[in-house]
N, C-alpha and C. Protein backbone atom coordinates (compact mmCIF):
# COMPACT_ATOMS: atom_id res chain seq x y z
N UNK A 1 73.52 101.38 77.95
CA UNK A 1 74.96 100.98 78.94
C UNK A 1 75.65 99.53 78.23
N UNK A 2 77.00 100.31 78.59
CA UNK A 2 78.04 99.49 78.03
C UNK A 2 78.42 98.49 79.08
N UNK A 3 78.62 97.25 79.29
CA UNK A 3 78.90 96.55 80.25
C UNK A 3 80.04 95.67 80.15
N UNK A 4 80.61 95.55 81.42
CA UNK A 4 82.08 94.66 81.45
C UNK A 4 81.54 93.53 82.40
N UNK A 5 82.49 93.24 83.13
CA UNK A 5 82.34 92.14 84.17
C UNK A 5 81.73 92.41 85.22
N UNK A 6 82.45 93.61 85.91
CA UNK A 6 81.65 94.27 86.88
C UNK A 6 81.11 95.91 86.99
N UNK A 7 81.71 96.16 85.84
CA UNK A 7 81.30 97.61 85.71
C UNK A 7 80.60 98.10 84.50
N UNK A 8 79.31 98.78 84.63
CA UNK A 8 78.82 99.54 83.38
C UNK A 8 79.38 101.02 83.37
N UNK A 9 79.24 101.18 81.77
CA UNK A 9 79.53 102.70 81.55
C UNK A 9 78.26 103.15 81.07
N UNK A 10 77.64 104.50 81.62
CA UNK A 10 76.29 104.95 81.35
C UNK A 10 76.47 106.29 80.90
N UNK A 11 75.62 106.76 80.49
CA UNK A 11 75.48 108.35 80.31
C UNK A 11 75.32 109.08 81.62
N UNK A 12 76.07 110.12 81.69
CA UNK A 12 76.17 110.73 83.08
C UNK A 12 74.39 111.36 83.46
N UNK A 13 74.15 111.32 84.72
CA UNK A 13 73.16 111.60 85.09
C UNK A 13 73.53 113.00 85.79
N UNK A 14 72.38 113.61 86.23
CA UNK A 14 72.11 115.03 87.09
C UNK A 14 73.01 114.56 88.48
N UNK A 15 72.33 113.64 88.97
CA UNK A 15 72.68 112.74 90.45
C UNK A 15 74.07 112.81 90.51
N UNK A 16 74.96 112.53 89.41
CA UNK A 16 76.40 111.84 89.57
C UNK A 16 77.03 113.21 89.55
N UNK A 17 76.54 114.40 89.36
CA UNK A 17 77.50 115.66 89.14
C UNK A 17 78.09 116.00 90.32
N UNK A 18 77.21 115.84 91.25
CA UNK A 18 77.78 116.74 92.51
C UNK A 18 78.96 115.58 93.27
N UNK A 19 78.57 114.40 93.14
CA UNK A 19 79.32 113.51 93.76
C UNK A 19 80.69 113.53 93.01
N UNK A 20 81.02 113.41 91.83
CA UNK A 20 81.85 113.62 90.89
C UNK A 20 82.89 114.99 91.12
N UNK A 21 82.04 116.27 91.45
CA UNK A 21 83.02 117.25 91.77
C UNK A 21 83.32 117.20 93.14
N UNK A 22 82.53 116.75 94.20
CA UNK A 22 83.25 116.47 95.62
C UNK A 22 84.33 115.64 95.64
N UNK A 23 84.20 114.42 94.90
CA UNK A 23 85.02 113.68 95.16
C UNK A 23 85.88 113.31 94.27
N UNK A 24 86.09 113.99 93.13
CA UNK A 24 87.05 113.77 92.25
C UNK A 24 87.79 115.22 91.77
N UNK A 25 86.82 116.25 91.35
CA UNK A 25 87.50 117.37 91.06
C UNK A 25 87.90 117.92 92.42
N UNK A 26 87.39 117.95 93.40
CA UNK A 26 87.78 118.80 94.74
C UNK A 26 88.75 117.92 95.38
N UNK A 27 89.36 116.85 95.01
CA UNK A 27 90.50 116.36 95.54
C UNK A 27 91.66 116.80 94.51
N UNK A 28 92.34 118.10 95.14
CA UNK A 28 93.06 118.66 94.37
C UNK A 28 94.21 117.89 94.09
N UNK A 29 95.09 117.56 95.28
CA UNK A 29 96.18 116.87 94.77
C UNK A 29 96.24 115.68 94.01
N UNK A 30 95.18 115.07 93.80
CA UNK A 30 94.98 113.97 92.74
C UNK A 30 94.38 114.68 91.50
N UNK A 31 93.58 115.49 91.41
CA UNK A 31 93.06 116.23 90.18
C UNK A 31 94.45 116.96 89.42
N UNK A 32 95.56 117.51 90.20
CA UNK A 32 96.39 118.18 89.38
C UNK A 32 97.61 117.39 88.94
N UNK A 33 97.30 116.05 89.20
CA UNK A 33 98.05 114.77 88.40
C UNK A 33 97.28 114.12 87.32
N UNK A 34 96.19 114.57 87.20
CA UNK A 34 95.25 113.81 86.27
C UNK A 34 94.89 114.50 85.10
N UNK A 35 95.09 115.82 85.07
CA UNK A 35 94.39 116.75 84.12
C UNK A 35 95.41 117.77 83.54
N UNK A 36 95.87 117.97 82.43
CA UNK A 36 96.73 118.98 82.15
C UNK A 36 96.13 120.68 82.42
N UNK A 37 94.86 120.72 82.40
CA UNK A 37 94.32 121.75 82.79
C UNK A 37 94.45 122.38 84.27
N UNK A 38 94.46 123.68 84.45
CA UNK A 38 95.01 124.01 85.97
C UNK A 38 93.43 124.07 86.63
N UNK A 39 93.48 123.51 88.12
CA UNK A 39 92.58 123.51 88.74
C UNK A 39 92.23 124.95 89.38
N UNK A 40 90.66 125.00 89.29
CA UNK A 40 90.38 126.26 89.72
C UNK A 40 88.72 125.98 90.54
N UNK A 41 88.59 126.76 91.65
CA UNK A 41 87.36 126.18 92.24
C UNK A 41 86.35 126.59 91.65
N UNK A 42 85.35 125.62 91.48
CA UNK A 42 84.19 125.71 90.66
C UNK A 42 82.92 125.42 91.68
N UNK A 43 82.15 126.43 91.60
CA UNK A 43 80.91 126.57 92.51
C UNK A 43 79.67 125.49 92.12
N UNK A 44 79.03 124.69 92.88
CA UNK A 44 78.29 123.60 92.48
C UNK A 44 77.11 124.13 91.55
N UNK A 45 76.81 125.23 91.94
CA UNK A 45 75.82 125.94 90.59
C UNK A 45 76.43 126.12 89.22
N UNK A 46 77.59 126.05 89.11
CA UNK A 46 78.22 126.34 87.87
C UNK A 46 77.68 125.47 86.57
N UNK A 47 77.51 126.22 85.44
CA UNK A 47 76.76 125.54 84.35
C UNK A 47 78.12 124.53 83.75
N UNK A 48 79.03 125.28 83.73
CA UNK A 48 80.41 124.74 82.62
C UNK A 48 81.23 123.93 83.97
N UNK A 49 81.87 122.75 84.05
CA UNK A 49 82.57 122.23 84.76
C UNK A 49 83.25 121.14 84.03
N UNK A 50 84.29 120.30 84.47
CA UNK A 50 84.68 119.30 83.81
C UNK A 50 83.89 118.08 83.70
N UNK A 51 82.62 117.54 84.46
CA UNK A 51 81.73 116.70 84.54
C UNK A 51 80.38 116.93 83.53
N UNK A 52 80.36 118.11 83.16
CA UNK A 52 79.29 118.60 82.20
C UNK A 52 79.35 117.86 80.82
N UNK A 53 78.29 117.37 80.20
CA UNK A 53 78.48 116.74 78.93
C UNK A 53 78.01 117.88 78.08
N UNK A 54 78.83 118.74 77.52
CA UNK A 54 78.57 119.64 76.54
C UNK A 54 79.53 119.67 75.25
N UNK A 55 79.65 118.63 75.00
CA UNK A 55 80.86 118.65 73.79
C UNK A 55 79.99 118.70 72.68
N UNK A 56 80.24 119.99 72.14
CA UNK A 56 79.67 120.14 70.31
C UNK A 56 80.40 119.88 69.44
N UNK A 57 81.78 119.38 69.65
CA UNK A 57 82.51 119.33 68.79
C UNK A 57 82.88 117.45 68.37
N UNK A 58 82.02 116.81 69.23
CA UNK A 58 82.35 115.44 68.79
C UNK A 58 83.65 114.88 69.61
N UNK A 59 84.38 115.46 70.23
CA UNK A 59 85.64 115.17 70.55
C UNK A 59 85.97 114.21 71.88
N UNK A 60 84.58 114.24 72.57
CA UNK A 60 84.61 113.36 74.07
C UNK A 60 83.55 112.32 74.00
N UNK A 61 83.76 111.59 74.61
CA UNK A 61 82.70 110.29 74.95
C UNK A 61 82.92 110.35 76.05
N UNK A 62 82.01 110.78 77.20
CA UNK A 62 82.14 111.07 78.64
C UNK A 62 80.89 109.81 79.31
N UNK A 63 81.31 109.09 80.30
CA UNK A 63 80.70 108.15 80.94
C UNK A 63 80.62 108.32 82.43
N UNK A 64 79.55 107.95 83.01
CA UNK A 64 79.56 107.63 84.60
C UNK A 64 79.79 106.13 84.72
N UNK A 65 81.12 105.57 85.61
CA UNK A 65 81.13 104.29 86.06
C UNK A 65 80.16 103.99 86.89
N UNK A 66 79.77 102.82 87.03
CA UNK A 66 78.65 102.14 87.98
C UNK A 66 79.21 100.59 88.23
N UNK A 67 78.81 100.36 89.40
CA UNK A 67 78.87 98.90 89.86
C UNK A 67 77.86 98.08 89.58
N UNK A 68 77.87 97.19 88.38
CA UNK A 68 76.60 96.46 87.89
C UNK A 68 75.72 95.85 88.92
N UNK A 69 76.41 95.04 90.11
CA UNK A 69 75.98 94.55 91.26
C UNK A 69 74.85 95.47 92.12
N UNK A 70 75.60 96.71 92.24
CA UNK A 70 74.95 97.66 93.29
C UNK A 70 74.33 99.01 92.61
N UNK A 71 74.78 99.33 91.40
CA UNK A 71 74.37 100.30 90.90
C UNK A 71 75.13 101.71 91.67
N UNK A 72 75.98 101.62 92.45
CA UNK A 72 76.79 102.70 92.96
C UNK A 72 77.51 103.50 91.92
N UNK A 73 77.64 104.45 92.03
CA UNK A 73 78.70 105.57 91.39
C UNK A 73 80.06 105.27 91.50
N UNK A 74 81.04 104.67 90.61
CA UNK A 74 82.00 104.64 90.88
C UNK A 74 83.39 105.58 90.53
N UNK A 75 82.90 106.52 89.58
CA UNK A 75 83.80 107.35 88.94
C UNK A 75 83.40 107.56 87.39
N UNK A 76 84.24 108.16 86.91
CA UNK A 76 84.22 108.66 85.54
C UNK A 76 85.21 107.95 84.55
N UNK A 77 84.72 108.02 83.21
CA UNK A 77 85.75 107.54 82.23
C UNK A 77 85.19 108.30 80.77
N UNK A 78 86.30 108.23 79.87
CA UNK A 78 85.90 109.11 78.83
C UNK A 78 86.72 108.56 77.99
N UNK A 79 86.54 108.51 76.45
CA UNK A 79 87.45 109.02 75.56
C UNK A 79 87.39 110.48 75.03
N UNK A 80 88.56 110.91 75.16
CA UNK A 80 89.02 112.51 74.96
C UNK A 80 89.64 112.68 73.54
N UNK A 81 89.42 113.48 72.95
CA UNK A 81 90.75 113.89 71.80
C UNK A 81 90.64 113.07 70.88
N UNK A 82 89.17 112.66 70.68
CA UNK A 82 88.55 111.61 69.51
C UNK A 82 88.99 112.53 68.22
N UNK A 83 89.71 111.81 67.16
CA UNK A 83 90.19 112.79 65.98
C UNK A 83 89.60 111.45 65.12
N UNK A 84 88.56 111.88 64.32
CA UNK A 84 87.80 110.74 63.47
C UNK A 84 88.30 110.74 62.16
N UNK A 85 89.26 111.88 62.09
CA UNK A 85 90.18 111.97 60.59
C UNK A 85 90.96 110.28 60.88
N UNK A 86 91.88 110.66 61.80
CA UNK A 86 92.92 109.59 62.15
C UNK A 86 92.76 108.50 62.98
N UNK A 87 91.05 108.50 63.39
CA UNK A 87 90.61 107.58 63.85
C UNK A 87 91.54 107.22 65.27
N UNK A 88 91.55 108.02 66.05
CA UNK A 88 92.44 107.83 67.38
C UNK A 88 91.48 108.54 68.50
N UNK A 89 91.91 108.08 69.73
CA UNK A 89 91.48 108.66 70.85
C UNK A 89 92.10 108.28 71.92
N UNK A 90 92.09 109.35 73.28
CA UNK A 90 92.87 109.23 74.32
C UNK A 90 91.71 108.57 75.38
N UNK A 91 92.56 107.95 76.68
CA UNK A 91 91.50 107.43 77.49
C UNK A 91 91.52 108.23 78.85
N UNK A 92 90.71 108.37 79.51
CA UNK A 92 90.71 109.06 80.84
C UNK A 92 89.85 108.08 81.67
N UNK A 93 90.40 107.69 83.20
CA UNK A 93 89.57 106.98 84.18
C UNK A 93 89.78 107.67 85.25
N UNK A 94 88.99 107.94 85.89
CA UNK A 94 89.00 108.78 87.53
C UNK A 94 87.77 108.03 88.46
N UNK A 95 88.43 106.91 89.21
CA UNK A 95 87.52 106.51 90.12
C UNK A 95 87.60 107.12 91.71
N UNK A 96 86.55 107.05 92.58
CA UNK A 96 86.38 107.58 93.62
C UNK A 96 87.17 106.83 94.41
N UNK A 97 87.56 107.60 95.10
CA UNK A 97 88.80 107.16 96.26
C UNK A 97 88.37 106.07 97.12
N UNK A 98 87.08 105.86 97.38
CA UNK A 98 86.87 104.59 98.41
C UNK A 98 86.89 103.30 97.51
N UNK A 99 86.89 103.23 96.32
CA UNK A 99 86.89 102.15 95.31
C UNK A 99 88.11 102.10 94.73
N UNK A 100 89.01 102.66 94.71
CA UNK A 100 90.33 102.53 94.07
C UNK A 100 91.11 101.30 94.73
N UNK A 101 91.80 100.62 93.86
CA UNK A 101 92.95 99.21 94.07
C UNK A 101 91.63 98.24 94.46
N UNK A 102 90.55 98.38 93.57
CA UNK A 102 89.79 97.10 94.03
C UNK A 102 89.57 96.36 92.63
N UNK A 103 90.31 96.56 91.56
CA UNK A 103 90.01 96.23 90.20
C UNK A 103 88.95 96.66 89.29
N UNK A 104 88.20 97.43 89.85
CA UNK A 104 87.47 98.21 88.86
C UNK A 104 88.09 98.89 87.79
N UNK A 105 89.30 99.57 87.73
CA UNK A 105 90.09 100.31 86.62
C UNK A 105 90.18 99.50 85.50
N UNK A 106 90.50 98.13 85.73
CA UNK A 106 90.97 97.20 84.67
C UNK A 106 89.69 96.92 83.75
N UNK A 107 88.48 96.54 84.29
CA UNK A 107 87.16 96.54 83.70
C UNK A 107 86.69 97.47 83.00
N UNK A 108 86.82 98.59 83.81
CA UNK A 108 86.67 99.97 82.74
C UNK A 108 87.37 100.30 81.36
N UNK A 109 88.78 99.92 81.86
CA UNK A 109 89.71 99.90 80.45
C UNK A 109 89.33 98.79 79.26
N UNK A 110 88.75 97.85 79.68
CA UNK A 110 88.53 96.90 78.77
C UNK A 110 87.26 97.18 78.04
N UNK A 111 86.40 97.79 78.95
CA UNK A 111 84.93 98.23 78.24
C UNK A 111 84.93 99.29 77.41
N UNK A 112 86.18 100.25 77.79
CA UNK A 112 86.44 101.70 76.86
C UNK A 112 87.25 101.05 75.74
N UNK A 113 87.98 100.19 75.62
CA UNK A 113 88.69 99.79 74.38
C UNK A 113 87.79 98.94 73.58
N UNK A 114 86.78 97.90 74.05
CA UNK A 114 85.75 97.64 73.10
C UNK A 114 85.18 98.82 72.56
N UNK A 115 84.70 100.00 73.60
CA UNK A 115 83.59 100.81 72.89
C UNK A 115 84.46 101.42 71.89
N UNK A 116 85.89 101.81 71.88
CA UNK A 116 86.60 102.71 70.86
C UNK A 116 87.09 101.79 69.71
N UNK A 117 87.29 100.33 70.01
CA UNK A 117 87.57 99.63 68.80
C UNK A 117 86.48 99.11 68.02
N UNK A 118 85.34 98.49 68.75
CA UNK A 118 84.35 98.04 68.19
C UNK A 118 83.40 98.80 67.98
N UNK A 119 82.88 99.74 68.54
CA UNK A 119 81.47 100.56 68.60
C UNK A 119 82.03 101.78 67.55
N UNK A 120 83.20 102.32 67.94
CA UNK A 120 83.41 103.51 67.28
C UNK A 120 84.68 103.31 65.94
N UNK A 121 85.06 101.90 65.97
CA UNK A 121 85.92 101.86 64.75
C UNK A 121 87.19 102.48 64.56
N UNK A 122 87.68 102.93 65.88
CA UNK A 122 89.12 103.77 66.10
C UNK A 122 90.09 102.72 65.75
N UNK A 123 91.00 103.26 65.33
CA UNK A 123 92.40 102.52 65.02
C UNK A 123 93.57 102.53 66.08
N UNK A 124 93.29 103.53 66.92
CA UNK A 124 94.26 103.71 67.96
C UNK A 124 93.80 104.38 69.37
N UNK A 125 93.94 103.66 70.32
CA UNK A 125 93.75 104.31 71.48
C UNK A 125 95.31 104.49 72.41
N UNK A 126 94.95 105.64 73.28
CA UNK A 126 96.35 106.01 73.67
C UNK A 126 96.05 106.54 75.24
N UNK A 127 96.94 106.14 76.02
CA UNK A 127 97.00 106.39 77.64
C UNK A 127 98.26 107.36 77.80
N UNK A 128 97.79 108.48 78.46
CA UNK A 128 98.94 109.48 78.75
C UNK A 128 98.99 109.66 79.99
N UNK A 129 99.81 109.43 80.71
CA UNK A 129 99.88 109.52 82.28
C UNK A 129 101.19 110.23 82.91
N UNK A 130 101.30 110.31 84.18
CA UNK A 130 102.50 110.85 84.84
C UNK A 130 103.43 109.65 84.96
N UNK A 131 104.91 109.84 84.61
CA UNK A 131 105.79 108.70 84.73
C UNK A 131 105.71 107.99 85.96
N UNK A 132 105.69 108.77 87.04
CA UNK A 132 105.43 108.34 88.21
C UNK A 132 104.03 107.43 88.68
N UNK A 133 103.12 107.28 87.70
CA UNK A 133 101.94 106.81 88.33
C UNK A 133 101.74 105.25 87.91
N UNK A 134 102.67 104.61 89.05
CA UNK A 134 102.74 103.21 88.77
C UNK A 134 101.27 102.34 88.46
N UNK A 135 100.28 102.83 89.07
CA UNK A 135 98.94 102.16 89.13
C UNK A 135 98.60 102.21 87.19
N UNK A 136 98.49 103.54 87.08
CA UNK A 136 98.26 103.59 85.46
C UNK A 136 99.17 103.03 84.77
N UNK A 137 100.40 102.70 84.87
CA UNK A 137 101.37 102.19 84.04
C UNK A 137 101.08 100.64 84.06
N UNK A 138 100.92 100.02 85.08
CA UNK A 138 100.60 98.61 85.48
C UNK A 138 99.24 98.35 84.62
N UNK A 139 98.17 99.21 84.58
CA UNK A 139 96.79 99.06 84.00
C UNK A 139 97.10 99.28 82.49
N UNK A 140 97.82 99.77 82.20
CA UNK A 140 98.28 99.91 80.73
C UNK A 140 98.97 98.69 80.08
N UNK A 141 99.78 98.30 80.83
CA UNK A 141 100.62 96.95 80.45
C UNK A 141 99.54 95.78 80.26
N UNK A 142 99.05 95.80 81.52
CA UNK A 142 98.01 94.60 81.57
C UNK A 142 96.92 94.74 80.63
N UNK A 143 96.61 95.77 80.20
CA UNK A 143 95.56 95.71 78.78
C UNK A 143 96.24 95.51 77.61
N UNK A 144 97.66 95.43 77.52
CA UNK A 144 98.12 95.31 76.38
C UNK A 144 98.71 96.53 75.64
N UNK A 145 98.61 97.60 76.19
CA UNK A 145 99.15 99.00 75.72
C UNK A 145 100.70 98.81 75.77
N UNK A 146 101.35 99.21 74.98
CA UNK A 146 102.86 99.33 74.54
C UNK A 146 103.27 100.77 74.99
N UNK A 147 104.31 100.61 76.00
CA UNK A 147 104.85 101.99 76.00
C UNK A 147 105.58 102.58 74.90
N UNK A 148 105.30 104.00 74.49
CA UNK A 148 105.90 104.31 73.28
C UNK A 148 106.90 105.36 73.54
N UNK A 149 106.94 105.69 74.65
CA UNK A 149 107.84 107.10 74.80
C UNK A 149 107.56 108.03 76.00
N UNK A 150 108.67 108.69 76.14
CA UNK A 150 108.62 109.42 77.49
C UNK A 150 108.69 110.89 76.95
N UNK A 151 107.45 111.87 77.60
CA UNK A 151 107.88 113.29 77.31
C UNK A 151 107.83 114.13 78.52
N UNK A 152 109.65 114.55 78.54
CA UNK A 152 110.62 114.72 79.42
C UNK A 152 109.73 116.39 79.93
N UNK A 153 109.60 116.18 81.25
CA UNK A 153 109.22 117.39 82.01
C UNK A 153 108.11 118.12 81.15
N UNK A 154 107.10 117.50 80.75
CA UNK A 154 105.79 118.10 79.76
C UNK A 154 104.66 118.63 80.54
N UNK A 155 104.94 118.08 82.09
CA UNK A 155 103.71 118.37 82.76
C UNK A 155 103.83 119.33 84.13
N UNK A 156 103.25 120.26 84.22
CA UNK A 156 103.53 121.32 85.20
C UNK A 156 102.41 120.66 86.33
N UNK A 157 103.07 120.14 87.39
CA UNK A 157 102.23 119.61 88.40
C UNK A 157 102.62 120.00 89.78
N UNK A 158 102.14 120.69 90.53
CA UNK A 158 102.09 121.11 91.94
C UNK A 158 103.54 121.98 91.86
N UNK A 159 104.06 122.82 91.08
CA UNK A 159 105.29 123.60 91.42
C UNK A 159 106.16 123.04 90.35
N UNK A 160 106.34 122.03 89.71
CA UNK A 160 107.25 121.36 88.83
C UNK A 160 106.97 120.94 87.75
N UNK A 161 107.91 120.77 86.48
CA UNK A 161 107.47 119.99 85.49
C UNK A 161 108.03 118.59 85.90
N UNK A 162 107.10 117.65 85.00
CA UNK A 162 107.72 116.20 85.46
C UNK A 162 107.20 115.66 84.09
N UNK A 163 107.63 114.35 84.09
CA UNK A 163 107.96 113.59 83.07
C UNK A 163 106.36 112.92 82.62
N UNK A 164 105.82 112.50 81.53
CA UNK A 164 104.67 111.73 81.59
C UNK A 164 105.40 110.83 80.63
N UNK A 165 104.41 109.97 80.37
CA UNK A 165 104.87 108.47 79.57
C UNK A 165 103.48 108.35 78.72
N UNK A 166 103.51 107.78 77.59
CA UNK A 166 102.54 107.60 76.48
C UNK A 166 102.58 106.06 76.23
N UNK A 167 101.49 105.66 76.52
CA UNK A 167 101.04 104.07 75.96
C UNK A 167 100.14 104.15 74.86
N UNK A 168 100.40 103.37 73.63
CA UNK A 168 99.21 103.11 72.63
C UNK A 168 98.98 101.42 72.54
N UNK A 169 97.57 101.58 71.94
CA UNK A 169 97.19 100.26 71.23
C UNK A 169 96.48 100.68 70.05
N UNK A 170 96.91 99.48 69.11
CA UNK A 170 96.24 99.59 67.98
C UNK A 170 95.07 98.55 67.65
N UNK A 171 94.22 98.95 67.01
CA UNK A 171 93.02 97.80 66.43
C UNK A 171 93.36 96.67 66.27
N UNK A 172 94.88 96.43 65.52
CA UNK A 172 95.09 95.32 65.10
C UNK A 172 95.63 94.36 66.22
N UNK A 173 96.06 94.85 67.15
CA UNK A 173 96.61 94.46 68.76
C UNK A 173 95.99 94.02 69.50
N UNK A 174 94.60 94.68 69.68
CA UNK A 174 93.38 94.53 70.16
C UNK A 174 92.63 93.22 70.68
N UNK A 175 92.51 92.80 71.77
CA UNK A 175 91.69 91.53 71.81
C UNK A 175 90.84 91.64 72.90
N UNK A 176 89.56 91.39 72.54
CA UNK A 176 88.43 91.63 73.40
C UNK A 176 88.57 90.69 74.45
N UNK A 177 87.39 90.48 75.26
CA UNK A 177 87.29 89.46 76.29
C UNK A 177 87.09 87.93 75.82
N UNK A 178 86.71 87.82 74.59
CA UNK A 178 86.44 86.58 74.10
C UNK A 178 87.46 86.05 73.15
N UNK A 179 88.57 87.03 73.14
CA UNK A 179 89.81 86.67 72.49
C UNK A 179 89.71 86.77 71.24
N UNK A 180 88.85 87.49 70.64
CA UNK A 180 88.97 87.88 69.29
C UNK A 180 89.62 89.03 69.23
N UNK A 181 90.46 89.27 68.03
CA UNK A 181 91.25 90.37 67.55
C UNK A 181 90.61 91.28 66.71
N UNK A 182 91.45 92.85 66.95
CA UNK A 182 90.74 93.90 65.80
C UNK A 182 90.94 93.49 64.45
N UNK A 183 89.99 94.40 63.78
CA UNK A 183 90.39 94.24 62.31
C UNK A 183 91.64 93.88 61.61
């Protein structure tokens, strides 16, 4: 398990799947803002769904997020689009509605950065979010990510095209919790 101050990132367990489907995937208004793929109904017994860990190509590292003190499942976190040639990946974090706004995402992001830069040896991490997602924008800036640009009207969300923004952090800019910088 990867540990932060308050959260742990661990391998996904079978018991996690239904909670993630019910509270994250089936929250359609939030889900369509967080994923570029269209939402489709998925029956509970489906073998393929967004929380199954069947990445045969090594392009994802998926985790369940848990509270270290209580072991409560808090949500989902991942590095996706991992490109080992260019040494980059994208970051995804999705917390259950009942725990949002309690500071967990900041700790999750710190752990994902440490995993990406220190464990995986990546050079660049990127956060892509909708331009109006103020919480994600604040989270990225707080963690040291730089706003790199706006993708105008690039995301189809609930019947309209909206802007996305891209934040990036390089290994040379990264500082872990001990104040150490990257390579």
